[in-house]
Amino acid sequence: MGVFAHKDDVYTFVRRFDRDHDSKLLYSDYCDFMTPKDSYYKHALTGRTPKYIHCKEVPRKNYFTDQSRDLFF
């Protein structure tokens, strides 16, 4: 992607979001800092039912709705 973070920035980021202070970001840490703080959006995101929870392989085009893909591109 051509983005190169300075080691001090990475260190600050990990210190900010590492809940158990082991200098590692767990998936749960990632989920916490990526979840919106606004209660409306948090509920909308966490209340979604996964579409493909039982599928082993999901075609890439099915990750997002057509509308989300169009908005992204």
Protein backbone atom coordinates (compact mmCIF):
# COMPACT_ATOMS: atom_id res chain seq x y z
CA MET A 1 0.00 0.00 0.00
CA GLY A 2 3.01 2.27 0.19
CA VAL A 3 2.40 3.30 3.80
CA PHE A 4 5.35 3.01 6.14
CA ALA A 5 4.67 3.77 9.79
CA HIS A 6 7.43 5.02 12.02
CA LYS A 7 8.30 2.56 14.80
CA ASP A 8 7.32 5.15 17.43
CA ASP A 9 3.85 5.41 15.88
CA VAL A 10 3.44 1.63 15.91
CA TYR A 11 4.62 1.49 19.53
CA THR A 12 2.14 4.21 20.52
CA PHE A 13 -0.67 2.45 18.67
CA VAL A 14 0.01 -0.90 20.36
CA ARG A 15 0.28 0.74 23.80
CA ARG A 16 -3.03 2.52 23.21
CA PHE A 17 -5.06 -0.54 22.20
CA ASP A 18 -3.32 -3.49 23.93
CA ARG A 19 -5.66 -4.25 26.84
CA ASP A 20 -3.55 -6.89 28.61
CA HIS A 21 -0.26 -5.00 28.12
CA ASP A 22 1.62 -7.92 26.57
CA SER A 23 2.77 -5.82 23.57
CA LYS A 24 0.56 -7.87 21.25
CA LEU A 25 -2.72 -6.91 19.66
CA LEU A 26 -5.24 -9.70 19.91
CA TYR A 27 -8.25 -10.05 17.65
CA SER A 28 -10.42 -8.92 20.56
CA ASP A 29 -8.25 -5.77 20.89
CA TYR A 30 -8.74 -5.13 17.18
CA CYS A 31 -12.50 -5.60 17.47
CA ASP A 32 -12.65 -3.18 20.39
CA PHE A 33 -10.86 -0.35 18.65
CA MET A 34 -12.66 -0.90 15.33
CA THR A 35 -16.15 -0.95 16.87
CA PRO A 36 -17.85 2.46 16.66
CA LYS A 37 -18.25 4.28 19.97
CA ASP A 38 -21.58 5.81 18.94
CA SER A 39 -24.30 3.54 20.38
CA TYR A 40 -26.48 3.62 17.23
CA TYR A 41 -23.68 2.48 14.93
CA LYS A 42 -22.28 0.08 17.50
CA HIS A 43 -25.65 -1.65 17.79
CA ALA A 44 -26.07 -1.74 14.00
CA LEU A 45 -22.67 -3.37 13.60
CA THR A 46 -22.70 -5.81 16.51
CA GLY A 47 -26.34 -6.77 15.93
CA ARG A 48 -25.73 -8.04 12.39
CA THR A 49 -26.11 -11.74 11.79
CA PRO A 50 -23.17 -13.20 9.84
CA LYS A 51 -24.34 -14.34 6.41
CA TYR A 52 -21.75 -17.02 5.80
CA ILE A 53 -21.05 -18.44 9.23
CA HIS A 54 -21.48 -22.05 8.05
CA CYS A 55 -19.63 -21.79 4.73
CA LYS A 56 -16.06 -22.98 4.38
CA GLU A 57 -15.35 -20.90 1.28
CA VAL A 58 -17.16 -17.74 0.32
CA PRO A 59 -16.74 -16.10 -3.06
CA ARG A 60 -15.07 -12.70 -2.67
CA LYS A 61 -18.01 -10.96 -4.32
CA ASN A 62 -20.24 -12.13 -1.47
CA TYR A 63 -18.27 -10.44 1.34
CA PHE A 64 -20.26 -7.22 0.98
CA THR A 65 -23.60 -6.23 -0.50
CA ASP A 66 -23.68 -4.84 -4.04
CA GLN A 67 -24.45 -1.41 -2.61
CA SER A 68 -21.42 -1.50 -0.27
CA ARG A 69 -19.13 -2.60 -3.10
CA ASP A 70 -20.43 0.19 -5.37
CA LEU A 71 -19.91 2.80 -2.65
CA PHE A 72 -16.40 1.54 -2.01
CA PHE A 73 -15.34 1.55 -5.66
